[in-house]
PDB file of N, CA and C in Angstrom:
ATOM      1  N   MET A   1      46.436 141.428 105.324  1.00  0.00           N
ATOM      2  CA  MET A   1      46.426 142.011 106.372  1.00  0.00           C
ATOM      3  C   MET A   1      45.913 142.708 107.473  1.00  0.00           C
ATOM      4  N   GLY A   2      44.480 142.883 107.533  1.00  0.00           N
ATOM      5  CA  GLY A   2      43.685 143.082 108.046  1.00  0.00           C
ATOM      6  C   GLY A   2      42.429 141.353 109.012  1.00  0.00           C
ATOM      7  N   LEU A   3      42.932 140.731 108.562  1.00  0.00           N
ATOM      8  CA  LEU A   3      43.286 139.216 109.612  1.00  0.00           C
ATOM      9  C   LEU A   3      44.179 139.091 110.272  1.00  0.00           C
ATOM     10  N   LEU A   4      45.252 140.149 110.122  1.00  0.00           N
ATOM     11  CA  LEU A   4      46.598 139.958 111.526  1.00  0.00           C
ATOM     12  C   LEU A   4      46.249 141.568 112.415  1.00  0.00           C
ATOM     13  N   LYS A   5      45.735 142.940 111.339  1.00  0.00           N
ATOM     14  CA  LYS A   5      45.461 143.625 112.123  1.00  0.00           C
ATOM     15  C   LYS A   5      43.690 142.981 113.446  1.00  0.00           C
ATOM     16  N   GLN A   6      42.631 142.563 113.065  1.00  0.00           N
ATOM     17  CA  GLN A   6      42.398 141.937 113.853  1.00  0.00           C
ATOM     18  C   GLN A   6      42.288 141.044 115.426  1.00  0.00           C
ATOM     19  N   ASN A   7      43.019 140.061 114.719  1.00  0.00           N
ATOM     20  CA  ASN A   7      43.556 138.988 115.469  1.00  0.00           C
ATOM     21  C   ASN A   7      44.881 138.619 116.457  1.00  0.00           C
ATOM     22  N   TRP A   8      45.758 140.448 116.526  1.00  0.00           N
ATOM     23  CA  TRP A   8      47.347 140.576 116.826  1.00  0.00           C
ATOM     24  C   TRP A   8      47.161 140.211 118.349  1.00  0.00           C
ATOM     25  N   THR A   9      46.269 140.055 118.751  1.00  0.00           N
ATOM     26  CA  THR A   9      46.498 139.940 120.478  1.00  0.00           C
ATOM     27  C   THR A   9      46.988 138.688 120.408  1.00  0.00           C
ATOM     28  N   SER A  10      45.777 138.226 119.981  1.00  0.00           N
ATOM     29  CA  SER A  10      45.928 136.314 119.276  1.00  0.00           C
ATOM     30  C   SER A  10      47.960 135.589 119.366  1.00  0.00           C
ATOM     31  N   VAL A  11      48.124 136.318 118.027  1.00  0.00           N
ATOM     32  CA  VAL A  11      48.969 136.178 117.397  1.00  0.00           C
ATOM     33  C   VAL A  11      50.260 136.060 118.173  1.00  0.00           C
ATOM     34  N   LEU A  12      50.145 137.545 119.305  1.00  0.00           N
ATOM     35  CA  LEU A  12      50.646 138.085 119.722  1.00  0.00           C
ATOM     36  C   LEU A  12      51.260 136.943 121.174  1.00  0.00           C
ATOM     37  N   GLY A  13      49.941 136.816 121.489  1.00  0.00           N
ATOM     38  CA  GLY A  13      49.650 135.589 122.528  1.00  0.00           C
ATOM     39  C   GLY A  13      50.755 134.138 122.595  1.00  0.00           C
ATOM     40  N   VAL A  14      50.593 133.644 120.973  1.00  0.00           N
ATOM     41  CA  VAL A  14      50.339 132.619 120.503  1.00  0.00           C
ATOM     42  C   VAL A  14      52.508 132.525 120.221  1.00  0.00           C
ATOM     43  N   ILE A  15      52.968 133.586 120.210  1.00  0.00           N
ATOM     44  CA  ILE A  15      54.848 134.129 119.639  1.00  0.00           C
ATOM     45  C   ILE A  15      55.424 133.891 121.608  1.00  0.00           C
ATOM     46  N   VAL A  16      54.377 134.661 122.386  1.00  0.00           N
ATOM     47  CA  VAL A  16      54.966 134.329 124.033  1.00  0.00           C
ATOM     48  C   VAL A  16      54.952 133.256 124.414  1.00  0.00           C
ATOM     49  N   GLY A  17      54.234 132.871 124.318  1.00  0.00           N
ATOM     50  CA  GLY A  17      53.468 131.114 124.483  1.00  0.00           C
ATOM     51  C   GLY A  17      54.769 130.482 123.825  1.00  0.00           C
ATOM     52  N   ALA A  18      54.858 130.504 122.918  1.00  0.00           N
ATOM     53  CA  ALA A  18      56.257 129.767 122.109  1.00  0.00           C
ATOM     54  C   ALA A  18      56.747 129.478 123.266  1.00  0.00           C
ATOM     55  N   ILE A  19      57.319 130.673 123.078  1.00  0.00           N
ATOM     56  CA  ILE A  19      58.699 131.238 123.490  1.00  0.00           C
ATOM     57  C   ILE A  19      58.754 130.864 125.345  1.00  0.00           C
ATOM     58  N   GLY A  20      57.830 131.266 125.380  1.00  0.00           N
ATOM     59  CA  GLY A  20      57.545 130.652 126.605  1.00  0.00           C
ATOM     60  C   GLY A  20      57.638 129.678 127.189  1.00  0.00           C
ATOM     61  N   GLY A  21      57.386 128.675 126.289  1.00  0.00           N
ATOM     62  CA  GLY A  21      56.732 127.538 126.486  1.00  0.00           C
ATOM     63  C   GLY A  21      58.092 126.682 126.015  1.00  0.00           C
ATOM     64  N   TYR A  22      59.617 127.158 125.409  1.00  0.00           N
ATOM     65  CA  TYR A  22      60.290 126.632 125.404  1.00  0.00           C
ATOM     66  C   TYR A  22      61.851 126.872 126.664  1.00  0.00           C
ATOM     67  N   PHE A  23      60.998 127.961 126.668  1.00  0.00           N
ATOM     68  CA  PHE A  23      61.770 128.141 128.523  1.00  0.00           C
ATOM     69  C   PHE A  23      61.936 127.814 129.498  1.00  0.00           C
ATOM     70  N   TYR A  24      60.114 126.916 129.128  1.00  0.00           N
ATOM     71  CA  TYR A  24      59.986 126.665 130.795  1.00  0.00           C
ATOM     72  C   TYR A  24      60.641 125.147 130.307  1.00  0.00           C
ATOM     73  N   TRP A  25      60.772 125.078 129.472  1.00  0.00           N
ATOM     74  CA  TRP A  25      61.299 122.759 129.257  1.00  0.00           C
ATOM     75  C   TRP A  25      63.205 123.440 129.125  1.00  0.00           C
ATOM     76  N   LYS A  26      63.405 124.496 129.030  1.00  0.00           N
ATOM     77  CA  LYS A  26      64.972 124.700 129.498  1.00  0.00           C
ATOM     78  C   LYS A  26      65.253 124.502 130.511  1.00  0.00           C
ATOM     79  N   TYR A  27      64.592 125.651 131.297  1.00  0.00           N
ATOM     80  CA  TYR A  27      65.097 125.960 132.831  1.00  0.00           C
ATOM     81  C   TYR A  27      64.426 124.690 133.600  1.00  0.00           C
ATOM     82  N   ILE A  28      63.033 125.182 133.875  1.00  0.00           N
ATOM     83  CA  ILE A  28      62.439 123.820 135.163  1.00  0.00           C
ATOM     84  C   ILE A  28      62.369 122.722 134.516  1.00  0.00           C
ATOM     85  N   GLY A  29      61.926 121.994 133.215  1.00  0.00           N
ATOM     86  CA  GLY A  29      61.611 120.691 132.252  1.00  0.00           C
ATOM     87  C   GLY A  29      61.916 119.538 133.024  1.00  0.00           C
ATOM     88  N   CYS A  30      61.161 118.400 131.821  1.00  0.00           N
ATOM     89  CA  CYS A  30      61.591 117.514 133.012  1.00  0.00           C
ATOM     90  C   CYS A  30      63.050 116.836 132.353  1.00  0.00           C
ATOM     91  N   THR A  31      63.829 116.075 133.945  1.00  0.00           N
ATOM     92  CA  THR A  31      64.835 115.653 133.626  1.00  0.00           C
ATOM     93  C   THR A  31      64.999 113.920 133.183  1.00  0.00           C
ATOM     94  N   THR A  32      64.087 113.418 133.932  1.00  0.00           N
ATOM     95  CA  THR A  32      63.942 111.833 133.529  1.00  0.00           C
ATOM     96  C   THR A  32      63.023 111.899 132.611  1.00  0.00           C
ATOM     97  N   GLY A  33      62.105 112.979 131.308  1.00  0.00           N
ATOM     98  CA  GLY A  33      61.951 112.168 130.460  1.00  0.00           C
ATOM     99  C   GLY A  33      60.221 111.703 130.402  1.00  0.00           C
ATOM    100  N   ALA A  34      60.182 111.181 131.606  1.00  0.00           N
ATOM    101  CA  ALA A  34      58.604 110.445 132.014  1.00  0.00           C
ATOM    102  C   ALA A  34      58.014 111.715 131.828  1.00  0.00           C
ATOM    103  N   CYS A  35      57.603 112.957 131.924  1.00  0.00           N
ATOM    104  CA  CYS A  35      57.178 113.904 131.587  1.00  0.00           C
ATOM    105  C   CYS A  35      56.226 113.725 130.831  1.00  0.00           C
ATOM    106  N   PRO A  36      55.386 114.197 129.731  1.00  0.00           N
ATOM    107  CA  PRO A  36      54.692 114.959 128.860  1.00  0.00           C
ATOM    108  C   PRO A  36      54.331 115.739 128.484  1.00  0.00           C
ATOM    109  N   ILE A  37      54.620 116.434 128.570  1.00  0.00           N
ATOM    110  CA  ILE A  37      54.708 118.007 128.740  1.00  0.00           C
ATOM    111  C   ILE A  37      56.397 118.380 128.613  1.00  0.00           C
ATOM    112  N   THR A  38      56.258 117.885 129.719  1.00  0.00           N
ATOM    113  CA  THR A  38      58.125 119.027 129.143  1.00  0.00           C
ATOM    114  C   THR A  38      58.899 118.313 129.178  1.00  0.00           C
ATOM    115  N   SER A  39      59.249 117.004 128.468  1.00  0.00           N
ATOM    116  CA  SER A  39      60.194 116.439 127.977  1.00  0.00           C
ATOM    117  C   SER A  39      60.904 116.971 126.851  1.00  0.00           C
ATOM    118  N   SER A  40      60.322 117.302 125.953  1.00  0.00           N
ATOM    119  CA  SER A  40      60.387 117.443 123.947  1.00  0.00           C
ATOM    120  C   SER A  40      59.721 119.425 124.441  1.00  0.00           C
ATOM    121  N   PRO A  41      61.031 119.598 123.874  1.00  0.00           N
ATOM    122  CA  PRO A  41      61.160 121.370 123.606  1.00  0.00           C
ATOM    123  C   PRO A  41      60.183 121.931 122.925  1.00  0.00           C
ATOM    124  N   VAL A  42      59.777 120.643 121.917  1.00  0.00           N
ATOM    125  CA  VAL A  42      58.530 121.057 120.911  1.00  0.00           C
ATOM    126  C   VAL A  42      57.467 120.935 121.156  1.00  0.00           C
ATOM    127  N   ILE A  43      57.658 119.809 122.103  1.00  0.00           N
ATOM    128  CA  ILE A  43      55.612 119.799 122.693  1.00  0.00           C
ATOM    129  C   ILE A  43      55.284 120.789 123.574  1.00  0.00           C
ATOM    130  N   SER A  44      56.726 120.966 124.418  1.00  0.00           N
ATOM    131  CA  SER A  44      56.230 121.786 124.967  1.00  0.00           C
ATOM    132  C   SER A  44      55.740 123.502 124.960  1.00  0.00           C
ATOM    133  N   ALA A  45      57.092 124.137 123.558  1.00  0.00           N
ATOM    134  CA  ALA A  45      56.795 125.651 123.149  1.00  0.00           C
ATOM    135  C   ALA A  45      54.862 125.302 122.722  1.00  0.00           C
ATOM    136  N   ILE A  46      54.546 123.829 121.738  1.00  0.00           N
ATOM    137  CA  ILE A  46      53.084 123.828 121.506  1.00  0.00           C
ATOM    138  C   ILE A  46      52.383 124.253 122.366  1.00  0.00           C
ATOM    139  N   TYR A  47      52.383 123.262 123.985  1.00  0.00           N
ATOM    140  CA  TYR A  47      51.561 123.911 125.045  1.00  0.00           C
ATOM    141  C   TYR A  47      51.571 125.752 124.980  1.00  0.00           C
ATOM    142  N   GLY A  48      53.245 125.664 124.785  1.00  0.00           N
ATOM    143  CA  GLY A  48      52.803 127.313 124.883  1.00  0.00           C
ATOM    144  C   GLY A  48      52.117 128.173 124.318  1.00  0.00           C
ATOM    145  N   ALA A  49      52.725 127.668 122.781  1.00  0.00           N
ATOM    146  CA  ALA A  49      51.708 128.153 121.745  1.00  0.00           C
ATOM    147  C   ALA A  49      50.361 128.748 121.856  1.00  0.00           C
ATOM    148  N   VAL A  50      49.691 126.921 122.370  1.00  0.00           N
ATOM    149  CA  VAL A  50      48.158 127.767 122.243  1.00  0.00           C
ATOM    150  C   VAL A  50      47.295 127.915 123.644  1.00  0.00           C
ATOM    151  N   LEU A  51      48.109 128.187 124.949  1.00  0.00           N
ATOM    152  CA  LEU A  51      47.347 128.524 126.554  1.00  0.00           C
ATOM    153  C   LEU A  51      48.423 130.045 125.502  1.00  0.00           C
ATOM    154  N   GLY A  52      49.435 130.365 125.134  1.00  0.00           N
ATOM    155  CA  GLY A  52      48.947 131.763 124.612  1.00  0.00           C
ATOM    156  C   GLY A  52      48.375 132.616 123.542  1.00  0.00           C
ATOM    157  N   GLY A  53      47.446 131.491 122.747  1.00  0.00           N
ATOM    158  CA  GLY A  53      47.006 131.741 122.492  1.00  0.00           C
ATOM    159  C   GLY A  53      45.500 132.182 122.555  1.00  0.00           C
ATOM    160  N   LEU A  54      44.940 131.675 123.238  1.00  0.00           N
ATOM    161  CA  LEU A  54      43.990 131.442 123.662  1.00  0.00           C
ATOM    162  C   LEU A  54      43.310 132.417 124.615  1.00  0.00           C
ATOM    163  N   LEU A  55      44.930 132.841 125.947  1.00  0.00           N
ATOM    164  CA  LEU A  55      45.415 133.590 126.888  1.00  0.00           C
ATOM    165  C   LEU A  55      44.728 135.083 125.734  1.00  0.00           C
ATOM    166  N   GLY A  56      46.129 135.693 124.726  1.00  0.00           N
ATOM    167  CA  GLY A  56      45.548 136.067 123.602  1.00  0.00           C
ATOM    168  C   GLY A  56      44.603 137.032 123.384  1.00  0.00           C
ATOM    169  N   ASP A  57      43.782 135.643 122.562  1.00  0.00           N
ATOM    170  CA  ASP A  57      41.727 135.532 122.394  1.00  0.00           C
ATOM    171  C   ASP A  57      41.165 136.426 123.677  1.00  0.00           C
ATOM    172  N   ILE A  58      41.208 136.657 124.422  1.00  0.00           N
ATOM    173  CA  ILE A  58      40.235 137.131 125.931  1.00  0.00           C
ATOM    174  C   ILE A  58      40.744 138.321 125.984  1.00  0.00           C
ATOM    175  N   PHE A  59      42.103 138.832 125.279  1.00  0.00           N
ATOM    176  CA  PHE A  59      42.274 140.852 125.643  1.00  0.00           C
ATOM    177  C   PHE A  59      41.520 141.592 123.926  1.00  0.00           C
ATOM    178  N   LYS A  60      41.079 139.919 123.155  1.00  0.00           N
ATOM    179  CA  LYS A  60      40.367 140.385 122.110  1.00  0.00           C
ATOM    180  C   LYS A  60      39.726 141.523 121.647  1.00  0.00           C
ATOM    181  N   ARG A  61      39.820 142.799 121.286  1.00  0.00           N
ATOM    182  CA  ARG A  61      37.774 143.987 121.605  1.00  0.00           C
ATOM    183  C   ARG A  61      36.897 143.262 120.758  1.00  0.00           C
ATOM    184  N   ARG A  62      35.913 143.418 121.036  1.00  0.00           N
ATOM    185  CA  ARG A  62      35.055 142.488 120.439  1.00  0.00           C
ATOM    186  C   ARG A  62      33.924 143.438 119.989  1.00  0.00           C
ATOM    187  N   ILE A  63      33.251 143.435 118.372  1.00  0.00           N
ATOM    188  CA  ILE A  63      33.048 144.622 117.697  1.00  0.00           C
ATOM    189  C   ILE A  63      31.578 144.320 118.372  1.00  0.00           C
ATOM    190  N   THR A  64      30.767 145.400 118.858  1.00  0.00           N
ATOM    191  CA  THR A  64      29.714 145.325 118.499  1.00  0.00           C
ATOM    192  C   THR A  64      28.309 146.341 117.473  1.00  0.00           C
ATOM    193  N   LYS A  65      27.521 146.052 117.375  1.00  0.00           N
ATOM    194  CA  LYS A  65      26.505 146.608 116.740  1.00  0.00           C
ATOM    195  C   LYS A  65      26.431 147.820 116.281  1.00  0.00           C
ATOM    196  N   LYS A  66      27.021 148.642 117.345  1.00  0.00           N
ATOM    197  CA  LYS A  66      27.055 149.917 117.655  1.00  0.00           C
ATOM    198  C   LYS A  66      27.986 150.824 117.403  1.00  0.00           C
ATOM    199  N   GLU A  67      29.030 150.307 117.065  1.00  0.00           N
ATOM    200  CA  GLU A  67      30.366 150.417 116.219  1.00  0.00           C
ATOM    201  C   GLU A  67      30.688 149.564 114.937  1.00  0.00           C
ATOM    202  N   GLU A  68      29.632 148.924 114.379  1.00  0.00           N
ATOM    203  CA  GLU A  68      29.513 148.713 112.798  1.00  0.00           C
ATOM    204  C   GLU A  68      29.060 150.282 112.424  1.00  0.00           C
TER     205      GLU A  68
END
């Protein structure tokens, strides 16, 4: 539970990013199938999850030596 509590912003970013990637494929996506990222819902959700996790990690609170 401690790992989830420490990284909740990254986990939330992954979940929101995966959902966002799926909806991007569903509503915008690539109709021809030639686009490498948006031609598949799985690949689009994975890219969204990675980007969401990276974005969520930006907002993670860092512990300084004063707080320890």
